[in-house]
Amino acid sequence: MAFLIKGIIGVYSIAEQAEIVQKFIRVNNLSEIVLIGHSYGGMVALYLLYQSHLNKIRFDIKKLVLLDTPAFPDSKPLFLKALRNPILNFIGLQLTPSRANAIFTIKNTFYDFKKGIDKYLDTYKFFFSLPGAKRTMTLAAKNIYPKNISGLIDSYQHIDIPTLIIWGRNDKLISSTLGERLQKELKNAQLVMIEECGHVPNEECPEITAEYINDFLMK
């Protein structure tokens, strides 16, 4: 949902979200931080590190975990392109019932469609029905990549903290080859693929995902 700060509705860009995370870290004086981000959230984490490097801000970030993160603009899936198109957005999102939107999302994000429907249909439907949810999805789709995307991509080579990249081998939205590309861009990254898993390993294969993360954090 679009957030409200001092009466101003946010644009839901990764830059804006990264700023919120930075403020949270500063206000709470956090240390020994582990950033974990899935998909759009992974982009927020990468942008936070980019801004920190650009502005020479030091945060005590120890490790980074990225799950199926669209770190390159050529990874933009079809549904994002549809959300960015006013006509397709109106037809496909604004005029479509929340249940249909939930089914469509699960179909495209899960490897095992039936498993996703059985476990998450009601949850997805609920969040699609919330006030402002569809507007937020549209804004996030429009603003997932910043104008200075080349600068963000160039900054990947400066990220030297231990990084775990987790990817669903059968991700329909973002090819696993882009996970391999991201691993090569980062200095200190390892990549693990989860077989028979789609774009949301944290939901479709939570036990395996948690095990990988736990092992990484214990090292």
Protein backbone atom coordinates (compact mmCIF):
# COMPACT_ATOMS: atom_id res chain seq x y z
CA MET A 1 0.00 0.00 0.00
CA ALA A 2 1.22 3.51 -0.70
CA PHE A 3 2.47 5.03 2.52
CA LEU A 4 1.64 8.41 3.99
CA ILE A 5 4.22 10.71 5.57
CA LYS A 6 3.12 14.16 6.72
CA GLY A 7 0.19 14.10 4.35
CA ILE A 8 2.26 13.26 1.28
CA ILE A 9 1.62 10.03 -0.61
CA GLY A 10 4.85 8.30 -1.58
CA VAL A 11 5.80 7.34 -5.10
CA TYR A 12 6.97 3.90 -4.00
CA SER A 13 10.31 4.03 -5.79
CA ILE A 14 13.26 1.92 -4.66
CA ALA A 15 15.08 5.17 -3.81
CA GLU A 16 12.26 6.24 -1.53
CA GLN A 17 12.07 2.83 0.14
CA ALA A 18 15.86 2.74 0.59
CA GLU A 19 15.70 6.12 2.31
CA ILE A 20 13.12 4.76 4.74
CA VAL A 21 15.38 1.82 5.57
CA GLN A 22 18.36 4.13 6.04
CA LYS A 23 16.40 6.32 8.44
CA PHE A 24 15.25 3.26 10.36
CA ILE A 25 18.86 2.13 10.73
CA ARG A 26 20.01 5.55 11.91
CA VAL A 27 17.13 6.21 14.31
CA ASN A 28 17.54 2.82 15.94
CA ASN A 29 21.34 2.95 15.85
CA LEU A 30 21.48 -0.56 14.37
CA SER A 31 24.69 -2.52 13.97
CA GLU A 32 25.72 -5.92 12.57
CA ILE A 33 22.93 -5.63 10.00
CA VAL A 34 21.88 -8.34 7.58
CA LEU A 35 19.88 -7.03 4.62
CA ILE A 36 17.47 -9.55 3.12
CA GLY A 37 15.36 -8.61 0.10
CA HIS A 38 13.13 -10.53 -2.26
CA SER A 39 12.54 -9.26 -5.82
CA TYR A 40 11.60 -5.56 -5.44
CA GLY A 41 12.94 -5.67 -1.87
CA GLY A 42 16.27 -6.87 -3.23
CA MET A 43 16.38 -3.81 -5.44
CA VAL A 44 15.77 -1.63 -2.38
CA ALA A 45 18.70 -3.30 -0.61
CA LEU A 46 21.00 -2.80 -3.61
CA TYR A 47 19.97 0.84 -3.92
CA LEU A 48 20.61 1.42 -0.22
CA LEU A 49 24.15 0.12 -0.66
CA TYR A 50 24.56 2.23 -3.80
CA GLN A 51 23.49 5.40 -2.01
CA SER A 52 25.70 4.56 0.95
CA HIS A 53 28.70 4.18 -1.35
CA LEU A 54 27.83 7.31 -3.34
CA ASN A 55 27.38 9.50 -0.27
CA LYS A 56 30.10 7.79 1.76
CA ILE A 57 27.64 6.80 4.48
CA ARG A 58 28.87 4.00 6.72
CA PHE A 59 26.40 1.43 7.97
CA ASP A 60 27.45 -1.71 9.81
CA ILE A 61 26.04 -4.10 7.20
CA LYS A 62 27.59 -7.53 7.63
CA LYS A 63 25.78 -9.64 5.04
CA LEU A 64 23.34 -9.42 2.15
CA VAL A 65 20.73 -11.93 0.96
CA LEU A 66 18.97 -11.41 -2.39
CA LEU A 67 16.12 -13.60 -3.63
CA ASP A 68 15.13 -13.52 -7.33
CA THR A 69 16.11 -9.87 -7.60
CA PRO A 70 15.65 -8.10 -11.00
CA ALA A 71 19.01 -6.34 -10.75
CA PHE A 72 19.19 -5.47 -14.45
CA PRO A 73 16.62 -3.60 -16.56
CA ASP A 74 16.59 -6.29 -19.25
CA SER A 75 15.07 -8.58 -16.60
CA LYS A 76 11.82 -6.60 -16.65
CA PRO A 77 9.03 -9.21 -16.83
CA LEU A 78 5.98 -8.90 -19.07
CA PHE A 79 3.56 -8.13 -16.25
CA LEU A 80 5.69 -5.12 -15.22
CA LYS A 81 5.49 -3.81 -18.77
CA ALA A 82 1.73 -4.25 -18.65
CA LEU A 83 1.47 -2.37 -15.36
CA ARG A 84 3.45 0.50 -16.86
CA ASN A 85 1.05 0.73 -19.81
CA PRO A 86 -2.01 2.87 -18.84
CA ILE A 87 -4.48 0.97 -21.02
CA LEU A 88 -3.28 -2.53 -20.14
CA ASN A 89 -3.03 -1.52 -16.51
CA PHE A 90 -6.63 -0.30 -16.45
CA ILE A 91 -7.95 -3.43 -18.12
CA GLY A 92 -5.75 -5.99 -16.43
CA LEU A 93 -5.58 -4.58 -12.91
CA GLN A 94 -8.16 -1.91 -12.23
CA LEU A 95 -11.11 -3.72 -13.86
CA THR A 96 -10.16 -7.21 -12.73
CA PRO A 97 -11.53 -8.61 -9.43
CA SER A 98 -9.05 -9.16 -6.62
CA ARG A 99 -9.49 -12.94 -6.78
CA ALA A 100 -8.62 -13.04 -10.49
CA ASN A 101 -5.56 -10.86 -9.86
CA ALA A 102 -4.48 -13.20 -7.09
CA ILE A 103 -4.84 -16.28 -9.29
CA PHE A 104 -2.91 -14.62 -12.13
CA THR A 105 -0.10 -13.62 -9.74
CA ILE A 106 0.21 -17.10 -8.24
CA LYS A 107 0.18 -18.68 -11.70
CA ASN A 108 3.13 -16.54 -12.73
CA THR A 109 5.15 -16.64 -9.52
CA PHE A 110 4.84 -20.27 -8.42
CA TYR A 111 6.28 -23.33 -10.12
CA ASP A 112 3.57 -25.50 -8.56
CA PHE A 113 0.38 -23.57 -9.31
CA LYS A 114 -1.88 -25.84 -7.24
CA LYS A 115 0.39 -25.56 -4.22
CA GLY A 116 0.30 -21.78 -4.47
CA ILE A 117 -3.49 -21.69 -4.82
CA ASP A 118 -4.02 -24.02 -1.88
CA LYS A 119 -1.73 -22.10 0.46
CA TYR A 120 -1.92 -18.47 -0.61
CA LEU A 121 -5.03 -17.65 -2.64
CA ASP A 122 -6.91 -16.10 0.29
CA THR A 123 -3.83 -14.16 1.41
CA TYR A 124 -3.11 -12.76 -2.04
CA LYS A 125 -6.76 -11.94 -2.57
CA PHE A 126 -6.86 -10.06 0.75
CA PHE A 127 -3.88 -7.87 -0.11
CA PHE A 128 -5.17 -7.13 -3.61
CA SER A 129 -8.44 -5.94 -2.03
CA LEU A 130 -6.81 -3.43 0.33
CA PRO A 131 -7.36 0.28 -0.38
CA GLY A 132 -4.49 1.63 -2.46
CA ALA A 133 -3.04 -1.80 -3.28
CA LYS A 134 -3.51 -1.55 -7.05
CA ARG A 135 -2.22 2.01 -7.12
CA THR A 136 0.87 0.91 -5.22
CA MET A 137 1.55 -1.94 -7.64
CA THR A 138 1.34 0.51 -10.53
CA LEU A 139 3.73 2.95 -8.85
CA ALA A 140 6.19 0.23 -7.91
CA ALA A 141 6.19 -1.06 -11.50
CA LYS A 142 6.88 2.42 -12.84
CA ASN A 143 9.65 3.15 -10.34
CA ILE A 144 11.44 -0.16 -9.83
CA TYR A 145 14.39 1.11 -11.88
CA PRO A 146 15.84 4.56 -11.11
CA LYS A 147 16.82 7.06 -13.77
CA ASN A 148 20.45 6.50 -12.83
CA ILE A 149 20.20 2.74 -13.45
CA SER A 150 23.66 2.60 -15.05
CA GLY A 151 25.16 4.09 -11.90
CA LEU A 152 23.35 1.52 -9.79
CA ILE A 153 24.61 -1.36 -11.94
CA ASP A 154 28.17 0.03 -11.89
CA SER A 155 27.99 0.09 -8.09
CA TYR A 156 27.53 -3.68 -7.88
CA GLN A 157 31.28 -4.15 -8.36
CA HIS A 158 31.89 -2.17 -5.16
CA ILE A 159 29.72 -4.43 -2.99
CA ASP A 160 32.21 -6.67 -1.22
CA ILE A 161 30.17 -7.86 1.77
CA PRO A 162 29.33 -11.59 1.83
CA THR A 163 26.23 -12.07 -0.31
CA LEU A 164 23.89 -15.01 -0.77
CA ILE A 165 21.80 -15.05 -3.95
CA ILE A 166 18.86 -17.46 -3.90
CA TRP A 167 16.94 -18.21 -7.08
CA GLY A 168 14.03 -20.41 -8.07
CA ARG A 169 15.30 -22.46 -10.97
CA ASN A 170 11.89 -22.25 -12.66
CA ASP A 171 11.29 -18.54 -12.16
CA LYS A 172 8.91 -17.49 -14.97
CA LEU A 173 9.37 -13.78 -14.34
CA ILE A 174 13.13 -13.38 -14.05
CA SER A 175 15.44 -15.89 -15.68
CA SER A 176 17.89 -17.74 -13.47
CA THR A 177 20.64 -16.67 -15.90
CA LEU A 178 20.31 -13.17 -14.43
CA GLY A 179 21.04 -14.62 -11.01
CA GLU A 180 24.25 -16.01 -12.47
CA ARG A 181 25.02 -12.61 -13.99
CA LEU A 182 24.46 -10.89 -10.65
CA GLN A 183 26.78 -13.32 -8.91
CA LYS A 184 29.54 -12.42 -11.38
CA GLU A 185 28.99 -8.69 -10.81
CA LEU A 186 29.33 -8.93 -7.03
CA LYS A 187 32.76 -9.52 -5.51
CA ASN A 188 31.83 -11.87 -2.70
CA ALA A 189 28.64 -13.67 -3.72
CA GLN A 190 27.46 -17.24 -3.82
CA LEU A 191 24.45 -18.42 -5.79
CA VAL A 192 22.12 -21.28 -4.91
CA MET A 193 19.36 -22.55 -7.16
CA ILE A 194 16.24 -24.18 -5.76
CA GLU A 195 14.87 -26.80 -8.11
CA GLU A 196 11.16 -26.95 -8.99
CA CYS A 197 10.65 -23.48 -7.56
CA GLY A 198 9.38 -20.23 -9.06
CA HIS A 199 9.81 -16.54 -8.29
CA VAL A 200 8.89 -16.77 -4.61
CA PRO A 201 11.15 -19.38 -2.96
CA ASN A 202 10.39 -17.86 0.44
CA GLU A 203 6.74 -18.87 -0.04
CA GLU A 204 6.93 -21.90 -2.33
CA CYS A 205 9.94 -23.58 -0.70
CA PRO A 206 10.21 -21.87 2.72
CA GLU A 207 12.03 -24.69 4.53
CA ILE A 208 14.79 -24.99 1.93
CA THR A 209 15.08 -21.21 1.65
CA ALA A 210 15.33 -20.79 5.43
CA GLU A 211 17.98 -23.52 5.60
CA TYR A 212 20.15 -21.81 2.99
CA ILE A 213 19.83 -18.46 4.78
CA ASN A 214 20.52 -19.95 8.19
CA ASP A 215 23.64 -21.76 6.96
CA PHE A 216 24.87 -18.55 5.34
CA LEU A 217 24.32 -16.49 8.49
CA MET A 218 26.06 -19.05 10.70
CA LYS A 219 29.31 -18.91 8.69
